[in-house]
Amino acid sequence: MKKEIVSKLPKIELHCHLDGSVSCETLLKISKKYTIGLPEDTEQLRKLVNAPEDCQNLKDYLTCFDVILSCLQTEEALEMAALDVLAQAAQDGISYIELRFAPTQHQEQGLSLVQVVTAVLRGLNAGEARYGIKSNALLCGMRHDQQERLEEVVRLAKDYQGKGIVAFDLAGDEAAYPPENFKETLELANQLTIPLTLHAGECGCGKNVADSIKLGAKRIGHGIALKDTPEYFDLLREKDILLEICPTSNFQTKTVNSLEDYPFRQFLKEQIKVCVNTDNRTVSNTNLVEEYMKLSEWFQLTYEEMEQLNHNAVDGAFISDQEKSILHQQLTKEYKKFRTENVSS
């Protein structure tokens, strides 16, 4: 696969964290404006916010977020951040993106949850107008938060359903806080008919994926640990579950340690639906084009497979059937056009 072609072909991204994806340039602007005191040299800042190659685990990887979150505590900063990520998505050739964030992480200077959500949505709306990319947002509950706080976020997702918020997620330290701890919170989300995508199987436990599905998840963030528990493959096929894999991040968090261990081909062979994502563009120092190029290099990914991965993403997106139909048609048309041009040349 060639980078310049991958860049131009339309893509869908469903697993991208707002805080982990704000560019260093935008972080610097926010830091200067609000005198946060981050290093003014972009390269020095990168060292603070890019996860090191030698992360020990997911918890180690998550420490990079502390610096970034210090910049995302005002409405203007959140609006700038959302607009910035859509600018990056435009450069990636993305047609539709779902951006996720945890509102409770942005209250250090007194913002209400409503102020946080509306600020992000304003940024996304501005990005859509400027870059022509369709976007929606997902609200994350942090696993270490109290149940009361989590349920507040669930209710907030309901309040903004149809206004730019499309789902609820659980994020944070999966090893310390497994899915069954959140049974009541997820029951509330199900009662309120809020779609669920849950981080699971990012830290070595396939059972967390199965438990998340049983608790109502329609998609799974990562799900890599399933490779060791094939007894759950039938459950994923039966429920038509989509795995949101994030290759660069999965290696950084030590979800796997070697290419031989990465289950990308295994999942495709087993007819488990997969889509490709960045997770955290800045923290993982990546973009969606790079993720596809890595899969091309590591697993000889083809353009036909790339197209199918994007159709998978559309199928799993939390949007209407009509919106899905438009995106499917766009993908089919553009990839067909690419094949025709390359055959004729």
Protein backbone atom coordinates (compact mmCIF):
# COMPACT_ATOMS: atom_id res chain seq x y z
CA MET A 1 0.00 0.00 0.00
CA LYS A 2 1.18 3.52 -0.74
CA LYS A 3 0.89 6.31 1.82
CA GLU A 4 -0.30 8.94 -0.66
CA ILE A 5 -3.15 6.65 -1.78
CA VAL A 6 -4.12 5.64 1.78
CA SER A 7 -4.24 9.35 2.65
CA LYS A 8 -6.75 10.09 -0.09
CA LEU A 9 -9.07 7.11 0.33
CA PRO A 10 -12.05 7.81 2.64
CA LYS A 11 -11.80 6.45 6.16
CA ILE A 12 -13.99 6.17 9.27
CA GLU A 13 -12.68 6.46 12.84
CA LEU A 14 -14.68 5.37 15.87
CA HIS A 15 -12.12 5.23 18.71
CA CYS A 16 -10.35 8.55 19.21
CA HIS A 17 -9.92 10.28 22.58
CA LEU A 18 -10.17 14.06 22.54
CA ASP A 19 -7.63 14.70 25.31
CA GLY A 20 -5.08 12.23 23.93
CA SER A 21 -5.33 13.70 20.44
CA VAL A 22 -4.92 17.48 20.85
CA SER A 23 -1.88 18.58 18.85
CA CYS A 24 1.19 20.00 20.59
CA GLU A 25 0.69 23.25 18.65
CA THR A 26 -2.79 23.73 20.12
CA LEU A 27 -1.62 22.73 23.60
CA LEU A 28 1.08 25.42 23.36
CA LYS A 29 -1.47 28.06 22.33
CA ILE A 30 -3.68 27.15 25.29
CA SER A 31 -0.72 27.05 27.68
CA LYS A 32 0.43 30.53 26.63
CA LYS A 33 -3.05 32.02 26.78
CA TYR A 34 -3.80 30.66 30.26
CA THR A 35 -0.20 30.76 31.57
CA ILE A 36 -0.17 27.05 32.36
CA GLY A 37 3.60 26.92 32.11
CA LEU A 38 4.19 24.10 29.66
CA PRO A 39 7.56 24.07 27.84
CA GLU A 40 7.39 26.56 24.96
CA ASP A 41 9.55 24.36 22.76
CA THR A 42 7.38 21.91 20.78
CA GLU A 43 9.97 19.13 20.95
CA GLN A 44 10.26 19.44 24.74
CA LEU A 45 6.48 19.33 25.02
CA ARG A 46 6.36 16.23 22.84
CA LYS A 47 8.57 14.43 25.35
CA LEU A 48 5.95 15.11 28.02
CA VAL A 49 2.87 14.14 26.03
CA ASN A 50 4.10 11.36 23.70
CA ALA A 51 3.99 8.01 25.47
CA PRO A 52 7.45 6.42 25.58
CA GLU A 53 8.08 3.29 23.51
CA ASP A 54 8.97 1.48 26.72
CA CYS A 55 5.70 1.95 28.63
CA GLN A 56 5.35 -0.83 31.17
CA ASN A 57 1.56 -1.13 30.94
CA LEU A 58 -1.70 0.75 30.37
CA LYS A 59 -1.41 2.60 33.68
CA ASP A 60 2.05 3.85 32.71
CA TYR A 61 0.72 4.99 29.31
CA LEU A 62 -2.08 6.96 30.97
CA THR A 63 0.33 9.21 32.93
CA CYS A 64 0.90 11.33 29.77
CA PHE A 65 -2.66 12.60 30.08
CA ASP A 66 -1.97 14.59 33.26
CA VAL A 67 -0.05 17.28 31.34
CA ILE A 68 -2.67 17.48 28.59
CA LEU A 69 -5.62 17.67 30.98
CA SER A 70 -4.06 20.69 32.71
CA CYS A 71 -4.71 22.57 29.43
CA LEU A 72 -8.31 21.44 28.96
CA GLN A 73 -10.10 23.13 31.85
CA THR A 74 -11.88 26.05 30.13
CA GLU A 75 -14.68 26.17 27.59
CA GLU A 76 -12.49 27.93 25.03
CA ALA A 77 -9.71 25.36 25.40
CA LEU A 78 -12.15 22.47 24.93
CA GLU A 79 -13.63 24.13 21.86
CA MET A 80 -10.13 24.67 20.42
CA ALA A 81 -9.23 21.04 21.17
CA ALA A 82 -12.27 19.61 19.37
CA LEU A 83 -11.70 21.84 16.35
CA ASP A 84 -8.02 20.83 16.31
CA VAL A 85 -8.79 17.09 16.24
CA LEU A 86 -11.21 17.57 13.33
CA ALA A 87 -8.47 19.46 11.46
CA GLN A 88 -6.21 16.42 11.94
CA ALA A 89 -9.00 14.09 10.83
CA ALA A 90 -9.42 16.15 7.65
CA GLN A 91 -5.72 15.70 6.86
CA ASP A 92 -6.24 11.95 7.38
CA GLY A 93 -9.02 11.79 4.79
CA ILE A 94 -11.65 10.87 7.38
CA SER A 95 -15.31 11.15 6.37
CA TYR A 96 -16.85 10.41 9.77
CA ILE A 97 -15.33 10.39 13.26
CA GLU A 98 -16.61 9.66 16.76
CA LEU A 99 -14.62 11.54 19.36
CA ARG A 100 -14.79 10.44 22.99
CA PHE A 101 -14.05 12.31 26.20
CA ALA A 102 -14.71 12.10 29.95
CA PRO A 103 -16.53 15.27 31.10
CA THR A 104 -15.53 14.79 34.76
CA GLN A 105 -11.85 15.19 33.77
CA HIS A 106 -12.41 18.83 32.79
CA GLN A 107 -13.83 20.29 36.00
CA GLU A 108 -10.68 21.34 37.87
CA GLN A 109 -11.47 25.03 37.39
CA GLY A 110 -15.16 24.78 38.15
CA LEU A 111 -16.76 24.03 34.79
CA SER A 112 -20.10 22.23 35.04
CA LEU A 113 -20.57 18.98 33.11
CA VAL A 114 -23.00 20.79 30.80
CA GLN A 115 -20.41 23.51 30.06
CA VAL A 116 -17.82 20.85 29.22
CA VAL A 117 -20.12 18.98 26.84
CA THR A 118 -21.48 22.06 25.08
CA ALA A 119 -17.96 23.47 24.59
CA VAL A 120 -16.78 20.26 22.91
CA LEU A 121 -19.90 20.14 20.73
CA ARG A 122 -19.34 23.75 19.64
CA GLY A 123 -15.81 22.81 18.57
CA LEU A 124 -17.08 19.81 16.62
CA ASN A 125 -19.77 21.88 14.91
CA ALA A 126 -17.16 24.46 13.93
CA GLY A 127 -14.94 21.66 12.61
CA GLU A 128 -17.74 20.16 10.57
CA ALA A 129 -18.47 23.56 9.00
CA ARG A 130 -14.80 24.24 8.28
CA TYR A 131 -13.59 20.80 7.14
CA GLY A 132 -16.73 19.07 5.90
CA ILE A 133 -16.28 16.09 8.22
CA LYS A 134 -19.27 14.51 9.92
CA SER A 135 -18.64 13.97 13.64
CA ASN A 136 -20.32 12.89 16.87
CA ALA A 137 -19.10 12.53 20.43
CA LEU A 138 -19.22 9.80 23.09
CA LEU A 139 -19.11 10.43 26.82
CA CYS A 140 -16.73 8.34 28.92
CA GLY A 141 -17.20 7.51 32.56
CA MET A 142 -13.88 7.08 34.36
CA ARG A 143 -13.61 3.69 36.02
CA HIS A 144 -12.15 5.17 39.22
CA ASP A 145 -15.09 7.56 39.68
CA GLN A 146 -17.87 6.89 42.20
CA GLN A 147 -21.08 5.31 40.88
CA GLU A 148 -22.98 8.54 41.49
CA ARG A 149 -20.56 10.45 39.22
CA LEU A 150 -20.75 7.78 36.55
CA GLU A 151 -24.53 7.86 36.53
CA GLU A 152 -24.43 11.65 36.23
CA VAL A 153 -22.46 11.20 33.00
CA VAL A 154 -24.92 8.55 31.76
CA ARG A 155 -27.83 10.95 32.32
CA LEU A 156 -25.88 13.71 30.58
CA ALA A 157 -25.46 11.41 27.56
CA LYS A 158 -29.25 10.99 27.54
CA ASP A 159 -29.81 14.77 27.77
CA TYR A 160 -27.59 15.33 24.71
CA GLN A 161 -28.70 12.30 22.72
CA GLY A 162 -29.63 13.54 19.25
CA LYS A 163 -27.66 16.74 19.85
CA GLY A 164 -24.18 15.39 19.13
CA ILE A 165 -23.70 12.77 21.87
CA VAL A 166 -24.30 9.22 20.64
CA ALA A 167 -23.04 6.76 23.26
CA PHE A 168 -21.47 6.02 26.66
CA ASP A 169 -18.13 4.35 27.37
CA LEU A 170 -16.08 3.27 30.36
CA ALA A 171 -12.39 4.27 30.25
CA GLY A 172 -9.42 4.10 32.60
CA ASP A 173 -7.62 1.36 34.52
CA GLU A 174 -9.38 -1.79 33.32
CA ALA A 175 -7.21 -4.16 35.38
CA ALA A 176 -8.21 -2.50 38.67
CA TYR A 177 -11.86 -1.94 37.72
CA PRO A 178 -13.36 -4.84 35.71
CA PRO A 179 -16.73 -4.50 33.91
CA GLU A 180 -18.85 -6.32 36.49
CA ASN A 181 -18.10 -3.49 38.95
CA PHE A 182 -20.32 -1.27 36.81
CA LYS A 183 -23.40 -3.45 36.41
CA GLU A 184 -25.84 -0.88 37.84
CA THR A 185 -24.40 2.03 35.85
CA LEU A 186 -24.61 0.06 32.61
CA GLU A 187 -28.13 -1.11 33.42
CA LEU A 188 -29.11 2.56 33.70
CA ALA A 189 -27.56 3.28 30.28
CA ASN A 190 -29.47 0.35 28.79
CA GLN A 191 -32.75 1.53 30.38
CA LEU A 192 -32.18 5.00 28.90
CA THR A 193 -31.42 3.41 25.49
CA ILE A 194 -27.92 4.87 25.29
CA PRO A 195 -25.65 2.76 23.06
CA LEU A 196 -22.56 1.35 24.76
CA THR A 197 -19.01 0.86 23.59
CA LEU A 198 -16.75 -0.25 26.42
CA HIS A 199 -12.97 -0.43 26.78
CA ALA A 200 -12.24 -4.10 27.43
CA GLY A 201 -9.56 -6.67 26.72
CA GLU A 202 -6.88 -3.99 26.63
CA CYS A 203 -4.95 -5.47 29.53
CA GLY A 204 -4.82 -9.20 29.23
CA CYS A 205 -8.32 -10.50 30.05
CA GLY A 206 -10.69 -11.80 27.41
CA LYS A 207 -13.38 -12.41 30.03
CA ASN A 208 -13.72 -8.62 30.41
CA VAL A 209 -14.80 -8.47 26.77
CA ALA A 210 -17.44 -11.19 27.22
CA ASP A 211 -18.70 -9.53 30.42
CA SER A 212 -18.92 -6.14 28.65
CA ILE A 213 -20.99 -7.66 25.86
CA LYS A 214 -23.30 -9.36 28.36
CA LEU A 215 -23.71 -5.96 30.05
CA GLY A 216 -24.91 -4.42 26.78
CA ALA A 217 -21.84 -3.25 24.79
CA LYS A 218 -22.38 -3.20 21.02
CA ARG A 219 -18.73 -2.35 20.36
CA ILE A 220 -15.53 -3.05 22.27
CA GLY A 221 -12.61 -0.66 22.61
CA HIS A 222 -9.51 -2.75 21.77
CA GLY A 223 -10.56 -6.32 22.69
CA ILE A 224 -7.07 -7.63 21.89
CA ALA A 225 -6.99 -10.01 24.88
CA LEU A 226 -9.70 -12.08 23.18
CA LYS A 227 -6.91 -13.79 21.25
CA ASP A 228 -6.31 -16.02 24.30
CA THR A 229 -9.98 -16.86 24.87
CA PRO A 230 -11.35 -18.24 21.58
CA GLU A 231 -14.28 -19.68 23.52
CA TYR A 232 -15.83 -16.18 23.30
CA PHE A 233 -15.54 -15.86 19.49
CA ASP A 234 -19.03 -17.31 18.96
CA LEU A 235 -20.47 -14.65 21.29
CA LEU A 236 -18.91 -11.86 19.20
CA ARG A 237 -20.13 -13.32 15.92
CA GLU A 238 -23.61 -14.01 17.29
CA LYS A 239 -24.00 -10.46 18.68
CA ASP A 240 -22.27 -8.87 15.65
CA ILE A 241 -19.79 -7.05 17.91
CA LEU A 242 -17.24 -4.65 16.41
CA LEU A 243 -13.73 -4.45 17.88
CA GLU A 244 -12.16 -0.97 17.73
CA ILE A 245 -8.49 -1.91 17.47
CA CYS A 246 -5.72 0.67 17.83
CA PRO A 247 -2.45 -0.97 16.69
CA THR A 248 0.16 1.58 17.85
CA SER A 249 -1.49 2.06 21.23
CA ASN A 250 -1.93 -1.69 21.72
CA PHE A 251 1.83 -2.20 21.50
CA GLN A 252 2.61 0.79 23.72
CA THR A 253 0.33 -0.40 26.52
CA LYS A 254 1.88 -3.89 26.31
CA THR A 255 -1.44 -5.45 25.35
CA VAL A 256 0.92 -7.53 23.20
CA ASN A 257 4.70 -7.66 23.07
CA SER A 258 5.35 -8.99 19.58
CA LEU A 259 3.86 -8.92 16.09
CA GLU A 260 3.33 -12.67 16.25
CA ASP A 261 1.05 -12.06 19.22
CA TYR A 262 -1.07 -9.35 17.58
CA PRO A 263 -4.38 -11.01 16.59
CA PHE A 264 -5.32 -8.86 13.59
CA ARG A 265 -5.20 -11.71 11.05
CA GLN A 266 -6.61 -14.16 13.59
CA PHE A 267 -9.70 -11.97 14.07
CA LEU A 268 -10.25 -11.55 10.31
CA LYS A 269 -9.90 -15.29 9.76
CA GLU A 270 -12.42 -15.97 12.53
CA GLN A 271 -14.85 -13.46 10.92
CA ILE A 272 -14.78 -11.16 13.93
CA LYS A 273 -15.53 -7.61 12.86
CA VAL A 274 -12.68 -5.16 13.30
CA CYS A 275 -12.12 -1.48 12.53
CA VAL A 276 -8.90 0.56 12.75
CA ASN A 277 -8.37 3.59 14.97
CA THR A 278 -5.71 5.89 16.44
CA ASP A 279 -6.88 5.85 20.10
CA ASN A 280 -4.74 8.89 21.03
CA ARG A 281 -3.13 10.72 18.14
CA THR A 282 -0.77 12.82 20.26
CA VAL A 283 -0.02 10.44 23.12
CA SER A 284 0.66 7.61 20.64
CA ASN A 285 2.27 10.00 18.11
CA THR A 286 0.21 8.61 15.23
CA ASN A 287 -2.61 9.27 12.78
CA LEU A 288 -5.04 7.01 10.96
CA VAL A 289 -2.96 6.87 7.78
CA GLU A 290 0.02 5.64 9.85
CA GLU A 291 -2.14 2.94 11.46
CA TYR A 292 -3.10 1.57 8.04
CA MET A 293 0.49 1.77 6.82
CA LYS A 294 1.62 -0.27 9.84
CA LEU A 295 -0.99 -2.94 9.11
CA SER A 296 0.18 -2.97 5.49
CA GLU A 297 3.79 -3.44 6.59
CA TRP A 298 3.08 -5.94 9.37
CA PHE A 299 0.26 -8.00 7.84
CA GLN A 300 0.33 -7.16 4.11
CA LEU A 301 -3.04 -5.42 4.37
CA THR A 302 -4.65 -4.85 0.95
CA TYR A 303 -6.80 -1.96 -0.28
CA GLU A 304 -9.76 -4.35 -0.51
CA GLU A 305 -9.32 -5.25 3.16
CA MET A 306 -8.92 -1.59 4.06
CA GLU A 307 -12.25 -0.87 2.36
CA GLN A 308 -13.93 -3.69 4.30
CA LEU A 309 -12.51 -2.44 7.61
CA ASN A 310 -14.08 0.94 6.89
CA HIS A 311 -17.42 -0.62 5.95
CA ASN A 312 -17.22 -2.47 9.29
CA ALA A 313 -16.75 0.88 11.02
CA VAL A 314 -19.81 2.32 9.28
CA ASP A 315 -21.88 -0.71 10.32
CA GLY A 316 -20.81 -0.16 13.93
CA ALA A 317 -21.13 3.63 13.98
CA PHE A 318 -23.74 5.10 16.33
CA ILE A 319 -25.66 6.90 13.56
CA SER A 320 -28.93 6.39 11.68
CA ASP A 321 -29.36 3.80 8.93
CA GLN A 322 -29.75 6.64 6.44
CA GLU A 323 -26.39 8.17 7.49
CA LYS A 324 -24.78 4.72 7.28
CA SER A 325 -26.16 4.23 3.78
CA ILE A 326 -24.61 7.52 2.61
CA LEU A 327 -21.19 6.59 4.07
CA HIS A 328 -21.32 3.05 2.60
CA GLN A 329 -22.09 4.51 -0.82
CA GLN A 330 -19.23 7.00 -0.53
CA LEU A 331 -16.76 4.26 0.45
CA THR A 332 -17.91 1.94 -2.36
CA LYS A 333 -17.75 4.72 -4.97
CA GLU A 334 -14.29 6.05 -3.99
CA TYR A 335 -12.59 2.65 -3.60
CA LYS A 336 -14.13 1.47 -6.90
CA LYS A 337 -12.89 4.64 -8.60
CA PHE A 338 -9.40 4.05 -7.18
CA ARG A 339 -9.39 0.43 -8.47
CA THR A 340 -10.62 1.50 -11.91
CA GLU A 341 -7.97 4.21 -12.23
CA ASN A 342 -5.21 1.84 -11.15
CA VAL A 343 -6.29 -0.94 -13.50
CA SER A 344 -6.44 1.49 -16.45
CA SER A 345 -3.04 3.00 -15.60
